Amino acid sequence: MTTVEIEYCVPCGMLDRAQNLQRALLSEYGERLDSVALVTGDSGVFEVRADGEAVFDKEEDEYDEDAISESIGDYV
C-alpha cells in the first residue's frame, strides 16, 4: 500500500490546502492508501511525497489538485 505525506508551511497558513488535498486523496483512493499524513513545516514549503518519492513541490510545480491526485494514482 502507498503512504502519502503532505508537508505544508504552518506560518504561511497552508493547513486548509493540505487538508483539502488530504480529503481529495482519501476520497479518490480510500483503502488503497496506507495513510495520508500531514507534516508540519515552515519556510513556505508545500510538498507531496508518495512512498518517499517527491510527487509535487510548489517551488517547481503549479498547484493543481487533480494533477497531484493523478500522480498519486501512479503509486496506488
Protein backbone atom coordinates (compact mmCIF):
# COMPACT_ATOMS: atom_id res chain seq x y z
CA MET A 1 0.00 0.00 0.00
CA THR A 2 1.00 3.59 -0.51
CA THR A 3 1.97 6.11 2.15
CA VAL A 4 1.46 9.78 1.28
CA GLU A 5 2.94 12.75 3.13
CA ILE A 6 1.78 16.32 2.62
CA GLU A 7 4.30 18.74 4.14
CA TYR A 8 2.92 22.25 4.47
CA CYS A 9 4.05 25.59 5.86
CA VAL A 10 2.29 26.31 9.15
CA PRO A 11 3.20 30.04 9.39
CA CYS A 12 2.04 30.57 5.79
CA GLY A 13 -1.45 29.31 6.58
CA MET A 14 -1.39 26.33 4.20
CA LEU A 15 -3.28 23.99 6.54
CA ASP A 16 -6.57 24.37 4.64
CA ARG A 17 -4.93 23.49 1.32
CA ALA A 18 -3.20 20.49 2.88
CA GLN A 19 -6.45 19.25 4.44
CA ASN A 20 -8.36 19.72 1.18
CA LEU A 21 -5.76 17.69 -0.70
CA GLN A 22 -5.76 15.03 2.02
CA ARG A 23 -9.56 14.78 1.78
CA ALA A 24 -9.44 14.55 -2.03
CA LEU A 25 -6.85 11.77 -1.96
CA LEU A 26 -8.75 9.78 0.65
CA SER A 27 -11.98 10.21 -1.31
CA GLU A 28 -10.32 9.10 -4.55
CA TYR A 29 -8.18 6.19 -3.31
CA GLY A 30 -9.66 5.30 0.09
CA GLU A 31 -8.48 2.00 1.49
CA ARG A 32 -5.86 1.62 -1.23
CA LEU A 33 -3.77 4.15 0.71
CA ASP A 34 -1.98 3.11 3.87
CA SER A 35 -2.01 6.70 5.16
CA VAL A 36 -2.15 10.34 4.13
CA ALA A 37 -0.14 12.21 6.74
CA LEU A 38 0.00 15.96 7.26
CA VAL A 39 3.56 17.00 8.14
CA THR A 40 4.17 20.46 9.57
CA GLY A 41 6.89 22.62 8.06
CA ASP A 42 7.93 26.21 7.52
CA SER A 43 9.76 28.44 5.03
CA GLY A 44 6.88 28.30 2.53
CA VAL A 45 7.09 24.54 1.99
CA PHE A 46 4.27 22.62 0.30
CA GLU A 47 5.46 19.21 -0.86
CA VAL A 48 3.70 15.93 -1.52
CA ARG A 49 5.52 12.60 -1.34
CA ALA A 50 4.32 9.08 -2.14
CA ASP A 51 6.36 6.31 -0.57
CA GLY A 52 9.16 8.83 0.00
CA GLU A 53 9.27 9.97 -3.65
CA ALA A 54 8.51 13.62 -4.46
CA VAL A 55 5.26 13.98 -6.39
CA PHE A 56 4.75 17.73 -6.02
CA ASP A 57 6.84 20.69 -4.84
CA LYS A 58 5.34 24.17 -5.02
CA GLU A 59 8.79 25.55 -5.79
CA GLU A 60 8.86 23.58 -9.05
CA ASP A 61 5.22 22.93 -9.98
CA GLU A 62 1.98 24.88 -10.27
CA TYR A 63 -0.57 23.68 -7.71
CA ASP A 64 -3.22 21.51 -9.37
CA GLU A 65 -5.11 19.19 -7.05
CA ASP A 66 -6.26 16.94 -9.91
CA ALA A 67 -2.72 16.57 -11.31
CA ILE A 68 -1.35 15.74 -7.85
CA SER A 69 -4.10 13.16 -7.37
CA GLU A 70 -3.27 11.57 -10.74
CA SER A 71 0.42 11.43 -9.77
CA ILE A 72 -0.50 9.65 -6.54
CA GLY A 73 -2.55 7.21 -8.61
CA ASP A 74 0.67 6.05 -10.28
CA TYR A 75 1.78 4.72 -6.88
CA VAL A 76 -1.50 3.11 -5.84
